[in-house]
Amino acid sequence: MSGEVRAAVITVSDRSAAGERQDAGGPVAVAALREAGFACGEQCIVPDGEDSVEAALREAIGTGARVIVTTGGTGVGPRDLTPEGTKRVLDREVPGIAEELRRMGAAALPAGMLSRGLSGISAGALIVNLPGSPSAVREGVPVVLSVARHVVSQIDGGDHQLAGEHL
């Protein structure tokens, strides 16, 4: 697939949105996407909650992002509602990506199996929820990158022959 593909990173965190804690995961995702050749601006930081996640995802799609990574809000805490906000936006789920992220997370730390992140397609964009910790983002973004260009190609009607290539 030729040309620069637009990507977006959305950090979901009440404390980061309020300026009480520096976002450590979002910049990791932005740097990895840029290094992989995606056109990616700075991360957007929104508070936890279904409505804020939904609005940020719709805005990213509206600006032409084809690959969207969220960080944070995937756990079991009362304000961890990133999957619920994401579900409102998804046209189709692509569960294998989220399953692999959970498998990797649980292999590194048993609490990794508590991530409820989703992955799927919405309006021509791949959306993947990652946990918010910098280590989870560092380990998770390569999973996203391993299929991102192929997914975008498939959404655009591309041939399946790219499957299996590291894109």
C-alpha atoms as a PDB file:
ATOM      1  CA  MET A   1       0.000   0.000   0.000  1.00  0.00           C
ATOM      2  CA  SER A   2       1.540   3.283  -1.018  1.00  0.00           C
ATOM      3  CA  GLY A   3       1.116   6.709   0.479  1.00  0.00           C
ATOM      4  CA  GLU A   4       1.085   7.888   4.029  1.00  0.00           C
ATOM      5  CA  VAL A   5      -1.684   6.422   6.160  1.00  0.00           C
ATOM      6  CA  ARG A   6      -3.061   8.677   8.891  1.00  0.00           C
ATOM      7  CA  ALA A   7      -3.082   7.369  12.448  1.00  0.00           C
ATOM      8  CA  ALA A   8      -4.341   8.761  15.737  1.00  0.00           C
ATOM      9  CA  VAL A   9      -3.664   8.018  19.395  1.00  0.00           C
ATOM     10  CA  ILE A  10      -6.255   8.694  22.077  1.00  0.00           C
ATOM     11  CA  THR A  11      -5.236   8.508  25.730  1.00  0.00           C
ATOM     12  CA  VAL A  12      -8.162   7.828  28.054  1.00  0.00           C
ATOM     13  CA  SER A  13      -7.415   8.965  31.597  1.00  0.00           C
ATOM     14  CA  ASP A  14      -9.231  11.165  34.088  1.00  0.00           C
ATOM     15  CA  ARG A  15      -5.967  12.148  35.794  1.00  0.00           C
ATOM     16  CA  SER A  16      -4.071  12.931  32.578  1.00  0.00           C
ATOM     17  CA  ALA A  17      -7.029  14.889  31.191  1.00  0.00           C
ATOM     18  CA  ALA A  18      -7.116  16.944  34.414  1.00  0.00           C
ATOM     19  CA  GLY A  19      -3.364  17.597  34.257  1.00  0.00           C
ATOM     20  CA  GLU A  20      -2.737  15.623  37.468  1.00  0.00           C
ATOM     21  CA  ARG A  21      -0.575  12.965  35.803  1.00  0.00           C
ATOM     22  CA  GLN A  22       1.620  13.038  32.722  1.00  0.00           C
ATOM     23  CA  ASP A  23       0.506  10.719  29.941  1.00  0.00           C
ATOM     24  CA  ALA A  24       3.275   8.130  29.605  1.00  0.00           C
ATOM     25  CA  GLY A  25       1.597   5.616  27.257  1.00  0.00           C
ATOM     26  CA  GLY A  26       0.288   7.902  24.509  1.00  0.00           C
ATOM     27  CA  PRO A  27       3.692   9.293  23.477  1.00  0.00           C
ATOM     28  CA  VAL A  28       5.035   5.729  23.185  1.00  0.00           C
ATOM     29  CA  ALA A  29       2.253   4.855  20.735  1.00  0.00           C
ATOM     30  CA  VAL A  30       2.709   8.070  18.743  1.00  0.00           C
ATOM     31  CA  ALA A  31       6.452   7.485  18.394  1.00  0.00           C
ATOM     32  CA  ALA A  32       5.993   3.870  17.288  1.00  0.00           C
ATOM     33  CA  LEU A  33       3.366   4.784  14.684  1.00  0.00           C
ATOM     34  CA  ARG A  34       5.544   7.572  13.298  1.00  0.00           C
ATOM     35  CA  GLU A  35       8.589   5.294  13.193  1.00  0.00           C
ATOM     36  CA  ALA A  36       6.515   2.797  11.203  1.00  0.00           C
ATOM     37  CA  GLY A  37       5.724   5.497   8.630  1.00  0.00           C
ATOM     38  CA  PHE A  38       2.241   6.550   9.695  1.00  0.00           C
ATOM     39  CA  ALA A  39       1.248  10.210   9.712  1.00  0.00           C
ATOM     40  CA  CYS A  40       0.384  10.695  13.377  1.00  0.00           C
ATOM     41  CA  GLY A  41      -0.109  13.901  15.300  1.00  0.00           C
ATOM     42  CA  GLU A  42       0.239  14.240  19.053  1.00  0.00           C
ATOM     43  CA  GLN A  43      -2.039  12.128  21.201  1.00  0.00           C
ATOM     44  CA  CYS A  44      -5.435  13.412  22.208  1.00  0.00           C
ATOM     45  CA  ILE A  45      -6.155  13.073  25.938  1.00  0.00           C
ATOM     46  CA  VAL A  46      -9.747  12.589  27.092  1.00  0.00           C
ATOM     47  CA  PRO A  47     -11.265  11.683  30.458  1.00  0.00           C
ATOM     48  CA  ASP A  48     -12.548   8.182  31.142  1.00  0.00           C
ATOM     49  CA  GLY A  49     -16.115   7.447  30.102  1.00  0.00           C
ATOM     50  CA  GLU A  50     -18.171   6.060  27.250  1.00  0.00           C
ATOM     51  CA  ASP A  51     -19.202   9.448  25.865  1.00  0.00           C
ATOM     52  CA  SER A  52     -15.690  10.946  25.815  1.00  0.00           C
ATOM     53  CA  VAL A  53     -14.231   7.844  24.135  1.00  0.00           C
ATOM     54  CA  GLU A  54     -16.992   7.719  21.539  1.00  0.00           C
ATOM     55  CA  ALA A  55     -16.613  11.424  20.734  1.00  0.00           C
ATOM     56  CA  ALA A  56     -12.818  11.213  20.433  1.00  0.00           C
ATOM     57  CA  LEU A  57     -13.024   8.162  18.143  1.00  0.00           C
ATOM     58  CA  ARG A  58     -15.616   9.812  15.906  1.00  0.00           C
ATOM     59  CA  GLU A  59     -13.475  12.951  15.721  1.00  0.00           C
ATOM     60  CA  ALA A  60     -10.368  10.943  14.767  1.00  0.00           C
ATOM     61  CA  ILE A  61     -12.301   9.114  12.055  1.00  0.00           C
ATOM     62  CA  GLY A  62     -13.700  12.437  10.852  1.00  0.00           C
ATOM     63  CA  THR A  63     -10.194  13.819  10.415  1.00  0.00           C
ATOM     64  CA  GLY A  64      -9.205  10.872   8.212  1.00  0.00           C
ATOM     65  CA  ALA A  65      -7.400   8.574  10.636  1.00  0.00           C
ATOM     66  CA  ARG A  66      -7.288   5.015   9.300  1.00  0.00           C
ATOM     67  CA  VAL A  67      -5.519   3.467  12.314  1.00  0.00           C
ATOM     68  CA  ILE A  68      -6.602   4.559  15.795  1.00  0.00           C
ATOM     69  CA  VAL A  69      -4.997   3.331  18.994  1.00  0.00           C
ATOM     70  CA  THR A  70      -6.502   4.114  22.375  1.00  0.00           C
ATOM     71  CA  THR A  71      -4.525   3.748  25.591  1.00  0.00           C
ATOM     72  CA  GLY A  72      -6.125   3.336  28.985  1.00  0.00           C
ATOM     73  CA  GLY A  73      -9.531   2.608  30.415  1.00  0.00           C
ATOM     74  CA  THR A  74      -9.570  -1.098  29.526  1.00  0.00           C
ATOM     75  CA  GLY A  75      -9.516  -2.550  33.044  1.00  0.00           C
ATOM     76  CA  VAL A  76     -12.245  -3.457  35.497  1.00  0.00           C
ATOM     77  CA  GLY A  77     -12.374  -0.232  37.519  1.00  0.00           C
ATOM     78  CA  PRO A  78     -15.634   1.724  37.715  1.00  0.00           C
ATOM     79  CA  ARG A  79     -14.393   4.415  35.270  1.00  0.00           C
ATOM     80  CA  ASP A  80     -12.705   1.967  32.845  1.00  0.00           C
ATOM     81  CA  LEU A  81     -15.251   2.366  30.051  1.00  0.00           C
ATOM     82  CA  THR A  82     -13.071   2.583  26.945  1.00  0.00           C
ATOM     83  CA  PRO A  83     -14.460  -0.708  25.519  1.00  0.00           C
ATOM     84  CA  GLU A  84     -18.036   0.474  26.009  1.00  0.00           C
ATOM     85  CA  GLY A  85     -17.348   3.770  24.218  1.00  0.00           C
ATOM     86  CA  THR A  86     -15.481   1.933  21.468  1.00  0.00           C
ATOM     87  CA  LYS A  87     -18.297  -0.578  20.988  1.00  0.00           C
ATOM     88  CA  ARG A  88     -20.656   2.325  20.181  1.00  0.00           C
ATOM     89  CA  VAL A  89     -18.453   3.211  17.204  1.00  0.00           C
ATOM     90  CA  LEU A  90     -17.442  -0.181  15.802  1.00  0.00           C
ATOM     91  CA  ASP A  91     -19.144  -1.518  12.686  1.00  0.00           C
ATOM     92  CA  ARG A  92     -17.402  -4.903  13.001  1.00  0.00           C
ATOM     93  CA  GLU A  93     -15.174  -6.388  15.674  1.00  0.00           C
ATOM     94  CA  VAL A  94     -11.821  -7.979  14.821  1.00  0.00           C
ATOM     95  CA  PRO A  95     -11.405 -10.021  18.008  1.00  0.00           C
ATOM     96  CA  GLY A  96      -8.103 -11.707  17.114  1.00  0.00           C
ATOM     97  CA  ILE A  97      -6.099  -8.526  17.725  1.00  0.00           C
ATOM     98  CA  ALA A  98      -7.575  -7.996  21.196  1.00  0.00           C
ATOM     99  CA  GLU A  99      -7.177 -11.702  21.973  1.00  0.00           C
ATOM    100  CA  GLU A 100      -3.478 -11.585  21.080  1.00  0.00           C
ATOM    101  CA  LEU A 101      -2.972  -8.465  23.187  1.00  0.00           C
ATOM    102  CA  ARG A 102      -4.617 -10.192  26.163  1.00  0.00           C
ATOM    103  CA  ARG A 103      -2.568 -13.353  25.607  1.00  0.00           C
ATOM    104  CA  MET A 104       0.657 -11.346  25.586  1.00  0.00           C
ATOM    105  CA  GLY A 105      -0.407  -9.282  28.585  1.00  0.00           C
ATOM    106  CA  ALA A 106      -1.313 -12.343  30.649  1.00  0.00           C
ATOM    107  CA  ALA A 107       1.988 -14.014  29.753  1.00  0.00           C
ATOM    108  CA  ALA A 108       3.844 -10.977  31.106  1.00  0.00           C
ATOM    109  CA  LEU A 109       1.647 -10.400  34.155  1.00  0.00           C
ATOM    110  CA  PRO A 110      -1.449 -12.354  35.333  1.00  0.00           C
ATOM    111  CA  ALA A 111      -3.460  -9.124  35.630  1.00  0.00           C
ATOM    112  CA  GLY A 112      -3.042  -8.766  31.837  1.00  0.00           C
ATOM    113  CA  MET A 113      -5.989 -11.093  31.366  1.00  0.00           C
ATOM    114  CA  LEU A 114      -8.224  -8.458  32.979  1.00  0.00           C
ATOM    115  CA  SER A 115      -7.940  -6.130  29.985  1.00  0.00           C
ATOM    116  CA  ARG A 116     -11.291  -5.760  28.261  1.00  0.00           C
ATOM    117  CA  GLY A 117      -9.963  -3.929  25.214  1.00  0.00           C
ATOM    118  CA  LEU A 118     -11.683  -4.292  21.852  1.00  0.00           C
ATOM    119  CA  SER A 119     -10.447  -4.128  18.282  1.00  0.00           C
ATOM    120  CA  GLY A 120     -12.440  -3.608  15.130  1.00  0.00           C
ATOM    121  CA  ILE A 121     -13.382  -1.574  12.107  1.00  0.00           C
ATOM    122  CA  SER A 122     -15.369   1.641  11.938  1.00  0.00           C
ATOM    123  CA  ALA A 123     -15.984   3.811   8.889  1.00  0.00           C
ATOM    124  CA  GLY A 124     -12.785   2.704   7.169  1.00  0.00           C
ATOM    125  CA  ALA A 125     -10.560   2.784  10.263  1.00  0.00           C
ATOM    126  CA  LEU A 126      -8.952   0.108  12.394  1.00  0.00           C
ATOM    127  CA  ILE A 127      -9.477   0.825  16.104  1.00  0.00           C
ATOM    128  CA  VAL A 128      -7.525  -0.998  18.820  1.00  0.00           C
ATOM    129  CA  ASN A 129      -7.817  -0.472  22.585  1.00  0.00           C
ATOM    130  CA  LEU A 130      -4.555  -0.883  24.503  1.00  0.00           C
ATOM    131  CA  PRO A 131      -4.071  -0.746  28.274  1.00  0.00           C
ATOM    132  CA  GLY A 132      -2.599   2.541  29.482  1.00  0.00           C
ATOM    133  CA  SER A 133       0.704   1.464  30.977  1.00  0.00           C
ATOM    134  CA  PRO A 134       3.767   2.399  28.932  1.00  0.00           C
ATOM    135  CA  SER A 135       4.976  -1.227  28.950  1.00  0.00           C
ATOM    136  CA  ALA A 136       1.606  -2.502  27.669  1.00  0.00           C
ATOM    137  CA  VAL A 137       1.676   0.139  24.920  1.00  0.00           C
ATOM    138  CA  ARG A 138       5.289  -0.693  24.015  1.00  0.00           C
ATOM    139  CA  GLU A 139       4.378  -4.387  23.729  1.00  0.00           C
ATOM    140  CA  GLY A 140       0.981  -3.840  22.110  1.00  0.00           C
ATOM    141  CA  VAL A 141       1.739  -1.379  19.318  1.00  0.00           C
ATOM    142  CA  PRO A 142       3.889  -3.916  17.400  1.00  0.00           C
ATOM    143  CA  VAL A 143       0.860  -6.245  17.344  1.00  0.00           C
ATOM    144  CA  VAL A 144      -1.213  -3.442  15.814  1.00  0.00           C
ATOM    145  CA  LEU A 145       1.547  -2.568  13.351  1.00  0.00           C
ATOM    146  CA  SER A 146       1.884  -6.203  12.251  1.00  0.00           C
ATOM    147  CA  VAL A 147      -1.560  -6.029  10.615  1.00  0.00           C
ATOM    148  CA  ALA A 148      -2.499  -2.331  10.330  1.00  0.00           C
ATOM    149  CA  ARG A 149      -1.574  -1.693   6.698  1.00  0.00           C
ATOM    150  CA  HIS A 150      -3.094  -4.991   5.624  1.00  0.00           C
ATOM    151  CA  VAL A 151      -6.345  -4.171   7.423  1.00  0.00           C
ATOM    152  CA  VAL A 152      -6.510  -0.745   5.788  1.00  0.00           C
ATOM    153  CA  SER A 153      -5.847  -2.374   2.400  1.00  0.00           C
ATOM    154  CA  GLN A 154      -8.599  -4.927   3.027  1.00  0.00           C
ATOM    155  CA  ILE A 155     -11.063  -2.225   4.072  1.00  0.00           C
ATOM    156  CA  ASP A 156     -10.294  -0.513   0.753  1.00  0.00           C
ATOM    157  CA  GLY A 157     -10.968  -3.738  -1.158  1.00  0.00           C
ATOM    158  CA  GLY A 158      -7.360  -4.903  -1.497  1.00  0.00           C
ATOM    159  CA  ASP A 159      -6.227  -8.422  -2.282  1.00  0.00           C
ATOM    160  CA  HIS A 160      -5.677 -11.000   0.460  1.00  0.00           C
ATOM    161  CA  GLN A 161      -2.202 -11.838  -0.844  1.00  0.00           C
ATOM    162  CA  LEU A 162      -0.640  -9.388   1.625  1.00  0.00           C
ATOM    163  CA  ALA A 163      -1.656 -11.678   4.493  1.00  0.00           C
ATOM    164  CA  GLY A 164       1.351 -13.062   6.310  1.00  0.00           C
ATOM    165  CA  GLU A 165       3.662 -10.184   5.410  1.00  0.00           C
ATOM    166  CA  HIS A 166       4.881  -7.951   8.198  1.00  0.00           C
ATOM    167  CA  LEU A 167       3.429  -4.621   7.179  1.00  0.00           C
END
